[in-house]
Amino acid sequence: MNNTYRIIDANINRMAEGIRVLEDHSRFISESKDINSQLRDLRHKSRKILKELDSDLISARESLSDQGLKISEGSNLDNKTTEKELILSNFKRIQEAVRSIEENLKVIGEYEKGKQFEQIRFEVYEIEKQYMSKLKFSLPEGIYGLTAEIYSNGRSNVEVVKEMIKAGIKIIQYREKEEDKSKKEMLAECLEIRKLTKANEVIFIVNDHLDITILCKADGIHLGQDDLSVQDIKKINGNLIIGISTHSPEQAEKAISDGADYIGVGPIFSTKTKKNVCDAVGLEYLDYIVKNTDIPFVAIGGIKERNIDQVVEKGAKCIALVTEIVGAEDIQGKIRKINYKLK
């Protein structure tokens, strides 16, 4: 019986600690007052339910001799590299702790208290859903890498991606058309690129193909104006980062209202890397986005080392260069030169 109290005590502490991390995030970072209030109420409610068991729980505690301490010290599984990972891991921590409390309360004859924690568990699921919908995606500053094998001087997309990653690029989009490669070939490449990006903490986006995006477990998908809608994508997988190519203020406003995570702004200059591309929208559209929206965006289209200064001067922080990078004899060297200009 004493060990069951230890389990409950350990998990109520895990639960409260997880809630406190999320409370601090919702208060100081996301500034979500409603979420913060719900989390605080949950923490107080759980403590209140177990108040009459406090003395039994504390007396059963053996923190310093707990084998979990040594296991944790020798593990790096709790490493967090993104804000999203921080939020999700703490919600999972809370949910797992609550389930353990719920089940073990029944073992010591506290069935009604167990049912109360069952209700808390479902409340946590709902708060998680609300919180994740509020998290804003941010694009890494610097170069937005894209593949374009036809312009890569005989190198494969995988070879080019390796060079991009070595040079420090933090977001890469796979872009190939079905007339150039079969779906089977594209999936095989994306599976290999996903391994590389995952191992190096690089965001991986797939252009157009939702099936390949899901099968290779990419972070997100980038869509054109004639592709599936944001709502369609979210119905299938609500966790994907969704980018939309836009060419006018009207298209940008629609993408924002539809719930896109970021937009492509362009083509800034004339480009031939895409078939059936629209005319260049110029720096005026980029200027509009910078001054009138707060959605993350990537400037794209005909941008080269020679004209990137104009794009930076307008306020772009994330910039896509295609042939300038994939077609360079020394990809890493070219990226270093461009990064120098960006800084």
Protein backbone atom coordinates (compact mmCIF):
# COMPACT_ATOMS: atom_id res chain seq x y z
CA MET A 1 0.00 0.00 0.00
CA ASN A 2 2.82 2.39 0.89
CA ASN A 3 4.32 2.00 -2.61
CA THR A 4 0.96 2.90 -4.16
CA TYR A 5 1.00 6.14 -2.18
CA ARG A 6 4.54 6.74 -3.53
CA ILE A 7 3.24 6.35 -7.08
CA ILE A 8 0.43 8.82 -6.50
CA ASP A 9 2.75 11.30 -4.76
CA ALA A 10 5.35 11.11 -7.56
CA ASN A 11 2.74 11.64 -10.23
CA ILE A 12 0.91 14.51 -8.54
CA ASN A 13 4.29 16.26 -8.41
CA ARG A 14 4.97 15.42 -12.09
CA MET A 15 1.56 16.74 -13.00
CA ALA A 16 1.97 19.99 -11.03
CA GLU A 17 5.47 20.59 -12.43
CA GLY A 18 4.24 20.06 -15.99
CA ILE A 19 1.33 22.44 -15.43
CA ARG A 20 3.68 25.05 -13.96
CA VAL A 21 5.91 24.95 -17.07
CA LEU A 22 2.86 25.53 -19.26
CA GLU A 23 1.52 28.22 -16.95
CA ASP A 24 4.76 30.15 -17.24
CA HIS A 25 4.80 29.75 -21.02
CA SER A 26 1.18 30.86 -21.39
CA ARG A 27 1.79 33.83 -19.12
CA PHE A 28 5.12 35.15 -20.34
CA ILE A 29 5.51 33.89 -23.92
CA SER A 30 2.19 33.15 -25.61
CA GLU A 31 0.33 35.56 -23.26
CA SER A 32 -2.80 33.38 -23.36
CA LYS A 33 -4.75 34.52 -20.33
CA ASP A 34 -7.59 32.03 -20.79
CA ILE A 35 -5.19 29.07 -21.09
CA ASN A 36 -3.18 30.29 -18.12
CA SER A 37 -6.33 30.52 -16.01
CA GLN A 38 -7.49 27.01 -16.97
CA LEU A 39 -4.09 25.52 -16.12
CA ARG A 40 -3.93 27.27 -12.76
CA ASP A 41 -7.44 26.07 -11.89
CA LEU A 42 -6.46 22.49 -12.77
CA ARG A 43 -3.41 22.63 -10.52
CA HIS A 44 -5.44 23.90 -7.57
CA LYS A 45 -8.28 21.45 -8.23
CA SER A 46 -5.96 18.42 -8.24
CA ARG A 47 -4.30 19.48 -5.00
CA LYS A 48 -7.69 20.03 -3.39
CA ILE A 49 -8.92 16.55 -4.36
CA LEU A 50 -5.92 14.94 -2.64
CA LYS A 51 -5.68 17.32 0.32
CA GLU A 52 -6.89 14.78 2.90
CA LEU A 53 -4.27 12.31 1.66
CA ASP A 54 -1.37 14.78 1.95
CA SER A 55 0.18 13.30 5.08
CA ASP A 56 0.08 9.74 3.69
CA LEU A 57 1.55 10.86 0.38
CA ILE A 58 4.39 12.88 1.90
CA SER A 59 5.32 10.16 4.43
CA ALA A 60 5.54 7.62 1.58
CA ARG A 61 7.93 9.82 -0.41
CA GLU A 62 11.51 8.60 -0.98
CA SER A 63 12.89 11.06 -3.50
CA LEU A 64 16.64 10.58 -3.06
CA SER A 65 16.50 6.79 -3.29
CA ASP A 66 14.12 6.79 -6.27
CA GLN A 67 15.75 4.83 -9.12
CA GLY A 68 14.07 7.22 -11.58
CA LEU A 69 16.60 9.89 -10.58
CA LYS A 70 19.60 7.88 -11.84
CA ILE A 71 17.75 6.84 -15.00
CA SER A 72 16.91 10.47 -15.75
CA GLU A 73 20.47 11.67 -15.12
CA GLY A 74 21.81 9.24 -17.71
CA SER A 75 19.24 10.04 -20.41
CA ASN A 76 18.85 12.82 -22.96
CA LEU A 77 15.33 11.85 -24.01
CA ASP A 78 13.98 14.96 -22.29
CA ASN A 79 15.94 17.27 -24.62
CA LYS A 80 13.79 20.00 -26.21
CA THR A 81 14.87 21.84 -29.34
CA THR A 82 11.71 23.78 -30.22
CA GLU A 83 8.93 25.63 -28.46
CA LYS A 84 6.42 23.14 -29.85
CA GLU A 85 8.35 20.21 -28.38
CA LEU A 86 8.40 21.95 -25.00
CA ILE A 87 4.63 22.42 -25.02
CA LEU A 88 3.72 18.97 -26.33
CA SER A 89 6.08 17.10 -24.00
CA ASN A 90 4.68 18.82 -20.92
CA PHE A 91 1.10 18.12 -21.94
CA LYS A 92 1.99 14.45 -22.42
CA ARG A 93 3.74 14.47 -19.05
CA ILE A 94 0.59 15.81 -17.38
CA GLN A 95 -1.73 13.37 -19.16
CA GLU A 96 0.40 10.35 -18.25
CA ALA A 97 0.70 11.46 -14.63
CA VAL A 98 -3.04 12.04 -14.32
CA ARG A 99 -3.81 8.58 -15.71
CA SER A 100 -1.45 6.97 -13.20
CA ILE A 101 -3.02 8.92 -10.32
CA GLU A 102 -6.50 8.00 -11.55
CA GLU A 103 -5.78 4.26 -11.66
CA ASN A 104 -3.82 4.05 -8.39
CA LEU A 105 -6.44 5.96 -6.41
CA LYS A 106 -8.85 3.14 -7.23
CA VAL A 107 -6.36 0.59 -5.81
CA ILE A 108 -6.35 2.31 -2.38
CA GLY A 109 -10.15 2.52 -2.29
CA GLU A 110 -10.49 6.14 -3.46
CA TYR A 111 -12.70 5.39 -6.45
CA GLU A 112 -14.53 8.75 -6.48
CA LYS A 113 -11.27 10.67 -6.36
CA GLY A 114 -10.06 8.51 -9.26
CA LYS A 115 -13.14 9.48 -11.28
CA GLN A 116 -12.44 13.13 -10.57
CA PHE A 117 -8.96 12.73 -12.01
CA GLU A 118 -10.49 11.02 -15.03
CA GLN A 119 -12.44 14.22 -15.65
CA ILE A 120 -9.25 16.26 -15.21
CA ARG A 121 -7.53 14.11 -17.85
CA PHE A 122 -10.19 14.98 -20.43
CA GLU A 123 -9.94 18.65 -19.49
CA VAL A 124 -6.19 18.49 -20.17
CA TYR A 125 -6.83 16.99 -23.62
CA GLU A 126 -9.09 19.92 -24.47
CA ILE A 127 -6.66 22.55 -23.14
CA GLU A 128 -3.88 20.95 -25.21
CA LYS A 129 -6.02 21.29 -28.33
CA GLN A 130 -6.72 24.96 -27.56
CA TYR A 131 -3.09 25.73 -26.78
CA MET A 132 -1.65 24.09 -29.90
CA SER A 133 -4.07 26.07 -32.07
CA LYS A 134 -2.67 29.29 -30.56
CA LEU A 135 1.02 28.52 -31.09
CA LYS A 136 2.45 30.61 -33.89
CA PHE A 137 4.93 29.10 -36.27
CA SER A 138 8.03 31.17 -37.00
CA LEU A 139 10.33 30.73 -39.99
CA PRO A 140 14.06 30.51 -39.29
CA GLU A 141 15.85 33.69 -40.34
CA GLY A 142 18.24 33.39 -43.26
CA ILE A 143 18.13 31.17 -46.32
CA TYR A 144 15.10 29.02 -47.11
CA GLY A 145 16.53 26.06 -49.02
CA LEU A 146 14.76 24.49 -51.99
CA THR A 147 15.64 21.51 -54.13
CA ALA A 148 15.70 21.75 -57.92
CA GLU A 149 17.57 18.78 -59.33
CA ILE A 150 17.28 19.94 -62.94
CA TYR A 151 19.51 22.93 -62.05
CA SER A 152 21.89 21.06 -59.73
CA ASN A 153 24.70 20.32 -62.19
CA GLY A 154 24.18 16.56 -62.13
CA ARG A 155 23.96 16.30 -58.35
CA SER A 156 21.03 14.57 -56.69
CA ASN A 157 18.61 16.39 -54.41
CA VAL A 158 19.98 14.40 -51.48
CA GLU A 159 23.55 15.51 -52.25
CA VAL A 160 22.46 19.13 -52.45
CA VAL A 161 20.50 18.90 -49.20
CA LYS A 162 23.57 17.50 -47.42
CA GLU A 163 25.56 20.54 -48.53
CA MET A 164 22.78 22.93 -47.45
CA ILE A 165 22.64 21.35 -44.00
CA LYS A 166 26.43 21.46 -43.60
CA ALA A 167 26.27 25.19 -44.40
CA GLY A 168 23.71 25.75 -41.63
CA ILE A 169 20.41 26.16 -43.48
CA LYS A 170 17.57 25.46 -41.04
CA ILE A 171 14.58 24.95 -43.33
CA ILE A 172 14.49 22.97 -46.59
CA GLN A 173 11.65 22.43 -49.03
CA TYR A 174 11.57 19.47 -51.41
CA ARG A 175 10.22 20.60 -54.79
CA GLU A 176 9.86 18.25 -57.74
CA LYS A 177 7.16 17.83 -60.36
CA GLU A 178 5.55 14.55 -61.40
CA GLU A 179 6.58 15.11 -65.02
CA ASP A 180 10.22 15.01 -63.87
CA LYS A 181 10.06 12.15 -61.36
CA SER A 182 7.65 9.40 -60.36
CA LYS A 183 5.93 9.50 -56.98
CA LYS A 184 7.94 6.43 -55.99
CA GLU A 185 11.22 8.21 -56.75
CA MET A 186 10.13 11.35 -54.91
CA LEU A 187 9.08 9.40 -51.83
CA ALA A 188 12.41 7.56 -51.72
CA GLU A 189 14.27 10.89 -51.84
CA CYS A 190 12.04 12.46 -49.22
CA LEU A 191 12.52 9.55 -46.85
CA GLU A 192 16.28 10.01 -47.08
CA ILE A 193 16.05 13.79 -46.74
CA ARG A 194 13.75 13.42 -43.74
CA LYS A 195 16.43 11.37 -41.96
CA LEU A 196 19.02 14.06 -42.65
CA THR A 197 16.81 16.96 -41.57
CA LYS A 198 15.61 15.16 -38.45
CA ALA A 199 19.14 14.30 -37.36
CA ASN A 200 20.24 17.93 -37.84
CA GLU A 201 17.14 19.66 -36.43
CA VAL A 202 16.20 21.18 -39.79
CA ILE A 203 12.56 21.88 -40.69
CA PHE A 204 11.49 19.79 -43.68
CA ILE A 205 8.69 20.93 -45.99
CA VAL A 206 7.35 19.05 -49.01
CA ASN A 207 5.91 21.00 -51.93
CA ASP A 208 2.39 20.08 -53.17
CA HIS A 209 2.31 16.33 -52.41
CA LEU A 210 0.27 15.58 -49.27
CA ASP A 211 0.69 11.81 -49.63
CA ILE A 212 4.49 12.09 -49.69
CA THR A 213 4.41 14.66 -46.86
CA ILE A 214 2.57 12.21 -44.62
CA LEU A 215 4.48 9.09 -45.66
CA CYS A 216 7.91 10.61 -45.03
CA LYS A 217 6.70 12.35 -41.84
CA ALA A 218 7.77 15.79 -43.03
CA ASP A 219 7.17 18.78 -40.77
CA GLY A 220 4.94 20.52 -43.25
CA ILE A 221 3.60 21.08 -46.74
CA HIS A 222 3.77 24.04 -49.11
CA LEU A 223 0.79 24.68 -51.38
CA GLY A 224 0.06 26.74 -54.48
CA GLN A 225 -3.10 28.69 -55.19
CA ASP A 226 -4.67 25.76 -57.07
CA ASP A 227 -3.76 23.04 -54.56
CA LEU A 228 -5.76 21.66 -51.63
CA SER A 229 -7.01 24.26 -49.17
CA VAL A 230 -5.63 24.84 -45.67
CA GLN A 231 -8.89 23.48 -44.25
CA ASP A 232 -8.57 20.30 -46.32
CA ILE A 233 -5.04 19.70 -45.07
CA LYS A 234 -6.01 20.30 -41.43
CA LYS A 235 -8.85 17.79 -41.68
CA ILE A 236 -6.33 15.13 -42.69
CA ASN A 237 -3.43 16.17 -40.45
CA GLY A 238 -3.80 19.13 -38.12
CA ASN A 239 -0.18 19.00 -36.96
CA LEU A 240 1.42 19.92 -40.29
CA ILE A 241 3.03 23.30 -40.89
CA ILE A 242 1.19 24.79 -43.87
CA GLY A 243 2.71 27.32 -46.24
CA ILE A 244 0.89 29.00 -49.13
CA SER A 245 2.37 30.70 -52.20
CA THR A 246 0.84 34.16 -52.65
CA HIS A 247 1.21 36.75 -55.39
CA SER A 248 -1.06 39.58 -54.23
CA PRO A 249 -2.41 41.25 -51.07
CA GLU A 250 -5.77 39.53 -51.62
CA GLN A 251 -4.17 36.08 -51.73
CA ALA A 252 -2.11 36.88 -48.64
CA GLU A 253 -5.17 37.99 -46.67
CA LYS A 254 -7.04 34.84 -47.67
CA ALA A 255 -4.12 32.63 -46.64
CA ILE A 256 -4.02 34.37 -43.27
CA SER A 257 -7.79 34.06 -42.70
CA ASP A 258 -7.66 30.39 -43.74
CA GLY A 259 -5.06 29.70 -41.05
CA ALA A 260 -1.83 29.24 -43.01
CA ASP A 261 1.31 29.13 -40.85
CA TYR A 262 3.41 31.10 -43.32
CA ILE A 263 3.26 32.41 -46.87
CA GLY A 264 5.55 32.59 -49.87
CA VAL A 265 5.81 36.14 -51.24
CA GLY A 266 6.72 36.40 -54.88
CA PRO A 267 8.00 35.96 -57.43
CA ILE A 268 9.89 39.09 -56.47
CA PHE A 269 11.89 39.06 -59.72
CA SER A 270 11.38 37.20 -62.96
CA THR A 271 12.10 33.47 -62.60
CA LYS A 272 12.11 30.37 -64.80
CA THR A 273 12.63 27.70 -62.15
CA LYS A 274 8.88 26.93 -62.15
CA LYS A 275 6.71 26.19 -65.15
CA ASN A 276 3.58 28.32 -65.65
CA VAL A 277 4.79 30.81 -63.07
CA CYS A 278 3.02 34.17 -62.86
CA ASP A 279 4.72 37.45 -63.71
CA ALA A 280 7.07 38.98 -61.17
CA VAL A 281 5.17 40.89 -58.47
CA GLY A 282 8.13 43.11 -57.68
CA LEU A 283 9.30 44.65 -54.45
CA GLU A 284 6.00 46.50 -54.00
CA TYR A 285 4.15 43.37 -52.90
CA LEU A 286 6.98 42.49 -50.50
CA ASP A 287 6.75 46.00 -49.08
CA TYR A 288 3.00 45.55 -48.57
CA ILE A 289 3.48 42.29 -46.64
CA VAL A 290 6.14 43.76 -44.37
CA LYS A 291 4.01 46.81 -43.51
CA ASN A 292 0.54 45.26 -43.31
CA THR A 293 0.81 41.69 -41.99
CA ASP A 294 2.48 39.82 -39.15
CA ILE A 295 2.39 36.33 -40.70
CA PRO A 296 5.80 34.67 -41.20
CA PHE A 297 6.83 34.84 -44.86
CA VAL A 298 9.57 33.76 -47.22
CA ALA A 299 10.55 36.03 -50.12
CA ILE A 300 11.05 33.99 -53.29
CA GLY A 301 11.48 34.24 -57.04
CA GLY A 302 14.50 35.28 -59.09
CA ILE A 303 16.51 36.25 -56.00
CA LYS A 304 20.27 36.11 -56.53
CA GLU A 305 23.36 37.18 -54.66
CA ARG A 306 23.47 40.28 -56.87
CA ASN A 307 19.95 41.52 -55.96
CA ILE A 308 19.38 40.10 -52.48
CA ASP A 309 20.30 43.46 -50.91
CA GLN A 310 17.09 44.95 -52.31
CA VAL A 311 15.02 42.19 -50.69
CA VAL A 312 16.76 42.56 -47.34
CA GLU A 313 16.31 46.34 -47.39
CA LYS A 314 12.54 45.84 -47.68
CA GLY A 315 12.55 43.84 -44.43
CA ALA A 316 12.61 40.19 -45.52
CA LYS A 317 14.21 37.91 -42.91
CA CYS A 318 13.72 34.54 -44.62
CA ILE A 319 14.73 34.39 -48.29
CA ALA A 320 14.64 31.58 -50.85
CA LEU A 321 17.31 31.29 -53.53
CA VAL A 322 17.03 28.30 -55.84
CA THR A 323 19.41 28.15 -58.84
CA GLU A 324 21.89 30.47 -57.12
CA ILE A 325 22.48 27.75 -54.49
CA VAL A 326 21.72 24.39 -56.11
CA GLY A 327 23.61 25.37 -59.26
CA ALA A 328 26.68 26.69 -57.46
CA GLU A 329 29.93 24.79 -57.96
CA ASP A 330 30.65 25.22 -54.23
CA ILE A 331 27.27 25.20 -52.47
CA GLN A 332 28.66 25.74 -48.98
CA GLY A 333 30.88 28.58 -50.18
CA LYS A 334 27.96 30.25 -51.98
CA ILE A 335 25.80 30.00 -48.86
CA ARG A 336 28.56 31.55 -46.73
CA LYS A 337 28.79 34.50 -49.14
CA ILE A 338 25.02 35.02 -49.11
CA ASN A 339 24.86 34.74 -45.32
CA TYR A 340 27.54 37.42 -45.07
CA LYS A 341 25.29 39.75 -47.07
CA LEU A 342 22.27 38.86 -44.93
CA LYS A 343 24.15 39.76 -41.76
